[in-house]
Structures are given as structure tokens and as C-alpha cells.
N, C-alpha and C. Protein backbone atom coordinates (compact mmCIF):
# COMPACT_ATOMS: atom_id res chain seq x y z
N MET A 1 11.37 -22.54 -2.94
CA MET A 1 10.36 -21.70 -3.02
C MET A 1 9.25 -22.26 -1.93
N ARG A 2 8.92 -21.13 -1.10
CA ARG A 2 7.54 -21.36 -0.07
C ARG A 2 6.31 -21.03 -0.71
N PRO A 3 5.40 -21.26 -0.21
CA PRO A 3 4.25 -21.08 -1.49
C PRO A 3 4.03 -19.68 -0.86
N LEU A 4 3.06 -18.78 -2.00
CA LEU A 4 2.45 -17.52 -1.71
C LEU A 4 0.98 -17.37 -1.28
N HIS A 5 1.09 -16.58 -0.98
CA HIS A 5 -0.80 -16.15 -0.31
C HIS A 5 -1.07 -15.28 -1.47
N VAL A 6 -1.75 -15.22 -2.72
CA VAL A 6 -1.87 -14.40 -3.39
C VAL A 6 -3.76 -14.02 -3.79
N LEU A 7 -3.99 -13.25 -3.61
CA LEU A 7 -5.08 -11.97 -4.04
C LEU A 7 -5.16 -11.81 -5.33
N LEU A 8 -6.19 -12.26 -5.95
CA LEU A 8 -6.17 -11.96 -7.27
C LEU A 8 -7.52 -11.40 -7.54
N LEU A 9 -7.70 -10.54 -8.36
CA LEU A 9 -8.84 -9.53 -8.42
C LEU A 9 -8.83 -9.32 -10.00
N ASP A 10 -9.83 -9.94 -10.55
CA ASP A 10 -9.92 -9.81 -11.86
C ASP A 10 -11.77 -10.18 -12.34
N ARG A 11 -12.33 -9.24 -13.08
CA ARG A 11 -13.84 -9.54 -13.60
C ARG A 11 -13.99 -10.35 -14.29
N ASP A 12 -13.11 -10.83 -15.30
CA ASP A 12 -13.38 -11.67 -16.46
C ASP A 12 -13.04 -12.90 -15.40
N ALA A 13 -14.28 -13.87 -15.61
CA ALA A 13 -14.31 -15.10 -14.76
C ALA A 13 -13.38 -16.10 -15.30
N GLU A 14 -13.73 -15.99 -16.58
CA GLU A 14 -12.43 -17.38 -17.09
C GLU A 14 -11.24 -17.35 -17.20
N ARG A 15 -10.61 -16.10 -17.57
CA ARG A 15 -9.04 -15.72 -16.83
C ARG A 15 -8.89 -16.21 -15.33
N ARG A 16 -9.77 -15.43 -14.41
CA ARG A 16 -9.89 -15.53 -13.28
C ARG A 16 -9.49 -17.06 -12.60
N SER A 17 -10.30 -17.66 -13.08
CA SER A 17 -10.36 -19.04 -12.69
C SER A 17 -9.14 -19.82 -13.37
N ALA A 18 -8.61 -19.59 -14.87
CA ALA A 18 -7.79 -20.30 -15.06
C ALA A 18 -6.38 -19.68 -14.42
N LEU A 19 -6.19 -18.31 -14.13
CA LEU A 19 -4.92 -17.76 -13.41
C LEU A 19 -4.72 -18.55 -11.81
N ALA A 20 -5.84 -18.96 -10.92
CA ALA A 20 -5.78 -19.32 -9.65
C ALA A 20 -5.82 -20.71 -10.04
N ALA A 21 -6.73 -21.59 -10.91
CA ALA A 21 -5.88 -22.88 -11.03
C ALA A 21 -4.50 -23.42 -11.62
N ALA A 22 -4.19 -21.85 -12.06
CA ALA A 22 -2.40 -22.24 -12.81
C ALA A 22 -1.54 -22.06 -11.33
N LEU A 23 -1.90 -21.05 -10.39
CA LEU A 23 -1.22 -20.54 -9.12
C LEU A 23 -1.25 -21.43 -8.02
N ARG A 24 -2.74 -22.11 -7.94
CA ARG A 24 -2.88 -23.29 -6.90
C ARG A 24 -2.30 -24.67 -7.56
N ALA A 25 -2.24 -24.76 -9.14
CA ALA A 25 -1.16 -26.06 -9.19
C ALA A 25 0.23 -25.65 -8.94
N ALA A 26 1.23 -24.58 -8.65
CA ALA A 26 2.08 -24.07 -8.61
C ALA A 26 2.42 -24.23 -6.86
N GLY A 27 1.06 -24.83 -6.12
CA GLY A 27 1.34 -24.78 -5.04
C GLY A 27 1.11 -23.81 -4.04
N HIS A 28 0.41 -22.66 -4.67
CA HIS A 28 0.52 -21.20 -3.69
C HIS A 28 -1.19 -21.41 -3.05
N ARG A 29 -1.31 -20.63 -2.24
CA ARG A 29 -2.90 -20.53 -1.93
C ARG A 29 -3.41 -19.12 -2.41
N VAL A 30 -4.46 -18.93 -3.13
CA VAL A 30 -5.17 -18.16 -4.00
C VAL A 30 -6.45 -17.47 -3.31
N PHE A 31 -6.82 -16.13 -3.01
CA PHE A 31 -8.12 -15.73 -2.68
C PHE A 31 -8.41 -15.26 -3.86
N ASP A 32 -9.41 -15.48 -4.83
CA ASP A 32 -9.44 -14.99 -6.15
C ASP A 32 -11.13 -14.13 -5.64
N THR A 33 -11.43 -13.20 -6.22
CA THR A 33 -12.64 -12.24 -6.36
C THR A 33 -12.94 -11.18 -7.65
N PRO A 34 -13.78 -10.95 -8.08
CA PRO A 34 -14.29 -10.64 -9.43
C PRO A 34 -14.50 -9.11 -8.73
N ASP A 35 -14.60 -8.84 -7.51
CA ASP A 35 -15.47 -7.21 -6.59
C ASP A 35 -13.85 -6.63 -6.12
N PRO A 36 -13.92 -5.41 -6.42
CA PRO A 36 -12.58 -4.29 -5.84
C PRO A 36 -12.79 -3.89 -4.45
N ALA A 37 -14.25 -3.67 -4.14
CA ALA A 37 -14.49 -3.80 -2.84
C ALA A 37 -14.34 -5.04 -1.76
N VAL A 38 -14.28 -6.37 -2.07
CA VAL A 38 -13.97 -7.24 -0.98
C VAL A 38 -12.73 -7.54 -1.22
N ALA A 39 -11.68 -7.07 -2.20
CA ALA A 39 -10.18 -7.32 -2.60
C ALA A 39 -9.59 -6.34 -1.89
N ALA A 40 -10.46 -5.41 -1.65
CA ALA A 40 -9.77 -4.17 -0.88
C ALA A 40 -9.96 -4.17 0.59
N ALA A 41 -10.62 -4.82 1.18
CA ALA A 41 -11.26 -5.34 2.53
C ALA A 41 -10.38 -6.32 3.10
N SER A 42 -9.86 -7.16 2.15
CA SER A 42 -9.12 -8.53 2.21
C SER A 42 -7.81 -7.79 2.45
N LEU A 43 -7.27 -7.03 2.27
CA LEU A 43 -6.12 -6.32 2.84
C LEU A 43 -5.76 -5.69 3.95
N ASP A 44 -6.84 -5.74 4.76
CA ASP A 44 -6.57 -5.30 5.98
C ASP A 44 -6.89 -6.11 7.08
N PRO A 45 -5.71 -6.96 7.73
CA PRO A 45 -4.38 -6.67 7.87
C PRO A 45 -3.95 -7.45 6.31
N PRO A 46 -2.66 -7.28 6.67
CA PRO A 46 -1.88 -7.46 5.42
C PRO A 46 -1.59 -8.94 5.26
N GLU A 47 -2.51 -9.41 4.72
CA GLU A 47 -1.83 -11.21 4.73
C GLU A 47 -1.58 -11.83 3.51
N PHE A 48 -1.52 -11.07 2.88
CA PHE A 48 -1.53 -11.39 1.11
C PHE A 48 0.63 -11.50 1.17
N ASP A 49 0.99 -12.18 0.19
CA ASP A 49 2.28 -11.90 -0.38
C ASP A 49 2.37 -11.35 -1.50
N CYS A 50 1.35 -10.94 -2.13
CA CYS A 50 1.17 -10.41 -3.73
C CYS A 50 -0.24 -10.40 -4.37
N LEU A 51 -0.54 -9.43 -4.97
CA LEU A 51 -1.41 -9.18 -5.21
C LEU A 51 -1.11 -9.08 -7.46
N VAL A 52 -2.68 -9.93 -7.70
CA VAL A 52 -2.62 -9.52 -8.88
C VAL A 52 -4.07 -8.82 -9.28
N LEU A 53 -4.12 -8.03 -10.51
CA LEU A 53 -5.20 -7.44 -10.47
C LEU A 53 -4.97 -6.86 -12.00
N ASP A 54 -6.32 -6.77 -12.37
CA ASP A 54 -6.51 -6.37 -13.74
C ASP A 54 -6.30 -4.76 -13.74
N LEU A 55 -5.78 -4.66 -14.50
CA LEU A 55 -5.45 -2.62 -14.64
C LEU A 55 -6.51 -2.28 -15.06
N ARG A 56 -7.44 -2.70 -15.77
CA ARG A 56 -8.60 -1.92 -16.92
C ARG A 56 -9.53 -1.89 -16.01
N LEU A 57 -9.73 -2.17 -14.98
CA LEU A 57 -10.95 -1.80 -14.03
C LEU A 57 -10.83 -0.64 -13.61
N PRO A 58 -12.31 -0.45 -14.20
CA PRO A 58 -12.56 1.15 -14.05
C PRO A 58 -12.45 2.07 -12.86
N GLU A 59 -13.13 1.30 -12.32
CA GLU A 59 -12.99 2.02 -10.61
C GLU A 59 -11.42 1.87 -9.92
N LEU A 60 -10.30 1.56 -10.63
CA LEU A 60 -9.07 0.99 -10.14
C LEU A 60 -8.21 2.87 -10.23
N ASP A 61 -7.46 3.58 -9.57
CA ASP A 61 -6.83 4.47 -9.52
C ASP A 61 -5.65 4.67 -9.64
N LEU A 62 -5.07 4.65 -11.05
CA LEU A 62 -3.85 4.33 -11.37
C LEU A 62 -2.42 5.27 -11.05
N ALA A 63 -3.22 6.05 -10.89
CA ALA A 63 -2.71 7.63 -10.34
C ALA A 63 -2.08 7.26 -8.68
N ALA A 64 -3.10 7.01 -7.88
CA ALA A 64 -2.72 6.80 -6.56
C ALA A 64 -1.87 4.80 -6.28
N LEU A 65 -2.03 4.67 -7.38
CA LEU A 65 -1.34 2.62 -7.22
C LEU A 65 -0.03 3.73 -7.87
N ARG A 66 0.28 4.39 -8.58
CA ARG A 66 1.57 4.60 -9.01
C ARG A 66 2.08 5.32 -7.79
N GLY A 67 1.47 6.34 -7.22
CA GLY A 67 1.92 6.80 -5.98
C GLY A 67 2.40 6.32 -4.85
N VAL A 68 1.31 4.93 -4.44
CA VAL A 68 1.61 3.99 -3.74
C VAL A 68 3.12 3.30 -3.93
N LEU A 69 2.98 2.82 -5.29
CA LEU A 69 4.40 1.86 -5.65
C LEU A 69 5.95 2.73 -5.85
N ALA A 70 5.85 4.15 -6.01
CA ALA A 70 6.76 4.28 -6.15
C ALA A 70 6.77 5.78 -5.88
N PRO A 71 6.38 5.91 -4.16
CA PRO A 71 5.99 7.38 -3.59
C PRO A 71 7.44 8.22 -4.06
N THR A 72 6.94 9.37 -4.30
CA THR A 72 7.83 10.93 -4.06
C THR A 72 8.45 10.96 -2.93
N VAL A 73 8.52 11.08 -2.09
CA VAL A 73 8.93 11.26 -0.46
C VAL A 73 8.31 9.83 0.32
N PRO A 74 9.46 9.18 0.60
CA PRO A 74 9.29 8.19 1.66
C PRO A 74 8.30 8.29 3.09
N ALA A 75 7.80 6.90 3.17
CA ALA A 75 7.00 7.22 4.11
C ALA A 75 7.54 7.00 5.60
N ALA A 76 6.85 8.03 6.45
CA ALA A 76 7.96 7.98 7.82
C ALA A 76 7.79 6.84 8.47
N PRO A 77 8.92 6.35 9.10
CA PRO A 77 9.21 5.09 9.62
C PRO A 77 8.20 5.04 11.05
N SER A 78 7.46 3.23 10.77
CA SER A 78 7.09 3.12 11.99
C SER A 78 8.05 2.88 13.33
N SER A 79 7.22 2.96 14.47
CA SER A 79 7.93 2.90 15.72
C SER A 79 8.60 1.27 15.51
N LEU A 80 9.75 1.17 16.57
CA LEU A 80 9.65 -0.20 16.90
C LEU A 80 9.32 -1.48 17.14
N GLU A 81 7.92 -0.67 17.98
CA GLU A 81 7.19 -1.34 18.34
C GLU A 81 6.09 -2.25 17.27
N ALA A 82 5.08 -0.87 16.89
CA ALA A 82 4.72 -1.22 15.55
C ALA A 82 5.24 -2.14 14.57
N ALA A 83 6.56 -2.01 14.04
CA ALA A 83 7.46 -3.09 13.42
C ALA A 83 7.81 -4.65 13.86
N GLU A 84 8.01 -4.67 15.28
CA GLU A 84 7.66 -5.66 16.29
C GLU A 84 6.49 -6.37 15.88
N ARG A 85 5.46 -5.79 15.97
CA ARG A 85 3.68 -6.59 16.01
C ARG A 85 3.86 -6.98 14.62
N LEU A 86 4.22 -6.04 13.52
CA LEU A 86 3.74 -6.64 12.14
C LEU A 86 4.18 -7.84 11.59
N HIS A 87 5.85 -7.63 12.39
CA HIS A 87 6.56 -8.76 11.90
C HIS A 87 6.28 -10.17 12.54
N ILE A 88 5.42 -10.14 13.91
CA ILE A 88 5.10 -11.44 14.54
C ILE A 88 3.64 -11.51 13.57
N ALA A 89 3.00 -10.61 13.52
CA ALA A 89 1.91 -11.17 12.75
C ALA A 89 2.26 -11.57 11.33
N ARG A 90 2.82 -11.01 10.93
CA ARG A 90 3.26 -11.77 9.55
C ARG A 90 3.89 -12.77 9.91
N THR A 91 4.46 -13.45 10.91
CA THR A 91 5.39 -14.62 10.93
C THR A 91 4.10 -15.92 11.37
N LEU A 92 3.05 -15.46 12.14
CA LEU A 92 2.40 -15.53 12.67
C LEU A 92 1.14 -16.57 11.34
N ALA A 93 1.04 -15.55 10.55
CA ALA A 93 0.17 -15.85 9.30
C ALA A 93 0.89 -16.85 8.39
N HIS A 94 2.42 -16.63 8.13
CA HIS A 94 3.08 -17.43 7.47
C HIS A 94 3.14 -18.98 8.13
N THR A 95 3.09 -19.06 9.34
CA THR A 95 2.84 -20.36 9.89
C THR A 95 1.60 -21.11 10.11
N ARG A 96 0.78 -20.14 9.95
CA ARG A 96 -0.80 -20.81 9.77
C ARG A 96 -1.02 -20.39 11.24
N GLY A 97 -0.76 -19.77 11.99
CA GLY A 97 -1.03 -19.27 13.55
C GLY A 97 -0.07 -20.68 14.63
N ASN A 98 0.73 -21.46 13.88
CA ASN A 98 1.58 -22.55 14.52
C ASN A 98 2.74 -21.55 15.73
N ARG A 99 2.02 -21.15 16.69
CA ARG A 99 3.14 -20.50 17.45
C ARG A 99 4.50 -21.18 17.84
N ARG A 100 4.99 -22.21 17.73
CA ARG A 100 6.01 -22.77 17.67
C ARG A 100 6.75 -22.90 16.81
N ARG A 101 6.03 -23.14 15.61
CA ARG A 101 6.95 -22.51 14.45
C ARG A 101 7.42 -21.38 14.60
N ALA A 102 6.32 -20.47 14.60
CA ALA A 102 6.76 -18.93 14.75
C ALA A 102 7.84 -18.67 15.68
N ALA A 103 8.11 -19.09 16.50
CA ALA A 103 8.61 -18.66 17.92
C ALA A 103 10.49 -19.06 17.20
N LEU A 104 10.04 -20.44 16.93
CA LEU A 104 11.89 -21.20 16.23
C LEU A 104 12.19 -19.78 14.97
N ILE A 105 11.50 -19.47 14.10
CA ILE A 105 11.37 -18.55 13.30
C ILE A 105 11.92 -17.39 13.71
N LEU A 106 11.03 -17.09 14.43
CA LEU A 106 11.76 -15.45 15.31
C LEU A 106 12.97 -15.30 15.66
N GLY A 107 13.28 -16.96 16.43
CA GLY A 107 14.54 -16.81 17.20
C GLY A 107 14.22 -16.49 18.76
N ILE A 108 13.11 -16.34 18.72
CA ILE A 108 12.60 -16.17 20.74
C ILE A 108 11.99 -17.55 20.94
N SER A 109 11.83 -17.39 22.37
CA SER A 109 10.94 -18.65 22.74
C SER A 109 9.67 -18.19 22.69
N ARG A 110 9.00 -19.74 23.26
CA ARG A 110 7.65 -19.71 22.79
C ARG A 110 7.11 -19.01 24.08
N SER A 111 7.28 -18.70 25.00
CA SER A 111 6.71 -18.02 26.50
C SER A 111 7.10 -16.07 25.71
N THR A 112 8.14 -16.31 25.43
CA THR A 112 7.89 -15.00 24.92
C THR A 112 6.98 -14.33 23.92
N LEU A 113 6.96 -15.43 23.11
CA LEU A 113 6.36 -15.25 22.08
C LEU A 113 4.56 -15.06 22.34
N LEU A 114 4.62 -15.75 23.33
CA LEU A 114 2.87 -15.35 23.81
C LEU A 114 2.66 -14.24 24.57
N HIS A 115 3.64 -13.66 25.38
CA HIS A 115 4.02 -12.42 25.92
C HIS A 115 3.68 -11.16 24.97
N LYS A 116 4.34 -11.24 23.68
CA LYS A 116 4.22 -10.13 22.66
C LYS A 116 2.83 -10.59 21.97
N ILE A 117 2.12 -11.59 21.91
CA ILE A 117 1.08 -11.75 21.44
C ILE A 117 -0.17 -11.32 22.25
N ARG A 118 0.08 -11.12 23.51
CA ARG A 118 -0.91 -10.77 24.05
C ARG A 118 -0.90 -9.39 24.63
N ARG A 119 0.83 -8.65 24.88
CA ARG A 119 0.89 -7.39 24.48
C ARG A 119 0.51 -6.74 23.33
N TYR A 120 0.23 -7.01 22.28
CA TYR A 120 0.53 -6.00 21.08
C TYR A 120 -1.38 -6.64 20.58
N GLY A 121 -1.95 -7.23 21.50
CA GLY A 121 -3.08 -8.12 20.90
C GLY A 121 -3.31 -8.69 19.66
N ILE A 122 -2.38 -9.22 19.26
CA ILE A 122 -2.29 -10.11 18.06
C ILE A 122 -3.35 -10.89 18.02
N GLY A 123 -4.39 -11.33 17.01
CA GLY A 123 -4.99 -12.24 16.98
C GLY A 123 -6.11 -12.23 17.54
N GLU A 124 -6.49 -10.88 18.64
CA GLU A 124 -7.91 -10.98 19.38
C GLU A 124 -8.71 -10.06 18.03
N GLN A 125 -8.40 -9.66 17.37
CA GLN A 125 -9.44 -8.87 16.38
C GLN A 125 -9.40 -10.01 15.35
N PRO A 126 -10.58 -10.03 15.01
CA PRO A 126 -11.33 -10.91 13.88
C PRO A 126 -10.81 -10.38 12.60
N SER A 127 -9.98 -11.43 11.55
CA SER A 127 -9.62 -10.96 10.53
C SER A 127 -10.68 -10.60 9.14
N ALA A 128 -10.28 -9.77 8.25
CA ALA A 128 -11.03 -9.21 7.32
C ALA A 128 -11.37 -10.41 6.35
N ILE A 129 -10.33 -10.78 6.25
CA ILE A 129 -10.22 -12.17 5.35
C ILE A 129 -11.12 -13.13 5.92
N SER A 130 -12.29 -13.67 5.69
CA SER A 130 -13.48 -14.68 6.52
C SER A 130 -13.30 -15.82 5.25
N HIS A 131 -12.54 -15.75 4.47
CA HIS A 131 -12.04 -16.65 3.62
C HIS A 131 -11.55 -17.63 4.05
N GLN A 132 -11.83 -19.38 3.44
CA GLN A 132 -10.95 -20.53 3.67
C GLN A 132 -10.56 -21.12 2.49
N PRO A 133 -8.90 -21.39 1.93
CA PRO A 133 -8.71 -21.48 0.81
C PRO A 133 -9.15 -22.82 0.90
N SER A 134 -9.50 -23.46 -0.65
CA SER A 134 -9.97 -24.51 -1.18
C SER A 134 -8.80 -25.65 -0.70
N ALA A 135 -9.63 -26.81 -1.05
CA ALA A 135 -9.00 -27.89 -0.72
C ALA A 135 -7.79 -27.94 -1.74
N ASP A 136 -7.93 -27.78 -3.01
CA ASP A 136 -6.77 -27.46 -3.95
C ASP A 136 -5.89 -26.14 -3.55
N GLY A 137 -6.22 -25.18 -2.72
CA GLY A 137 -5.45 -24.51 -2.84
C GLY A 137 -4.88 -23.87 -1.05
């Protein structure tokens, strides 16, 4: 199983630290924070594989969360171009920016990948996540 990139949101420092340590020990990359605003800002662009959060946070809108997780009306499909851009960005995040590996995973040549990166402007905008994983994560 490949390592996951996990966003951990919990105000309880002891519980957050213990869970982050367990996830890192299992080989996953973890960004943990007690601040919901920091966690929310970290979700754009979507670089995380999963989100672990304390559902008891008072500012958490559980009704909105339910609506996102199980919408009554399916979301409108995105364009093929938007889907390709997102897939390339996620593949680059998975390879930590290694374009050669990303091209191999995508099944295209490196030059084609570079062309698409330029065309879609991938990597030109600074990431909302300005953290570096710790040495153990």
C-alpha cells in the first residue's frame, strides 16, 4: 500500500500528537493542526488522500458535511480538460514533483507531460500548503 497524505484536525493536542505519531509510524505523511481555518486553507488545491477530523468541533457544520459526502443531486461533471488538469496535478503530487515518474504513471512521454503542465499552468500558483513534512513523516 502506498503511503497516504493525511490532514489531521483535532484541538486535543495529546490525541492529535498520538494519532499523528501512529500514522507516521505506519509510513504515512501527516499534516496536523488544531486550527480549522488552517485545515480548510490546506484543502486547496486538494493534495490530501484523506482527512481525519474531530466531529465535535463547534464550528463544524455537520449538515453541510453530510451534504458534501452524500449529495442528493450529483455534481455536474467537469470538462475533460479540467479532469485531465486535476489528474496530472494529483499525479505530480503523488510523485512529489518527479515529472519523469509522473509521465510513466500517466502513460505519456515526458515532453507531452511538460507541454500539458505549461498548457494548464500547473505548478505556477503557490500551494496553499506551505508546510514540509517532518523528518519522520
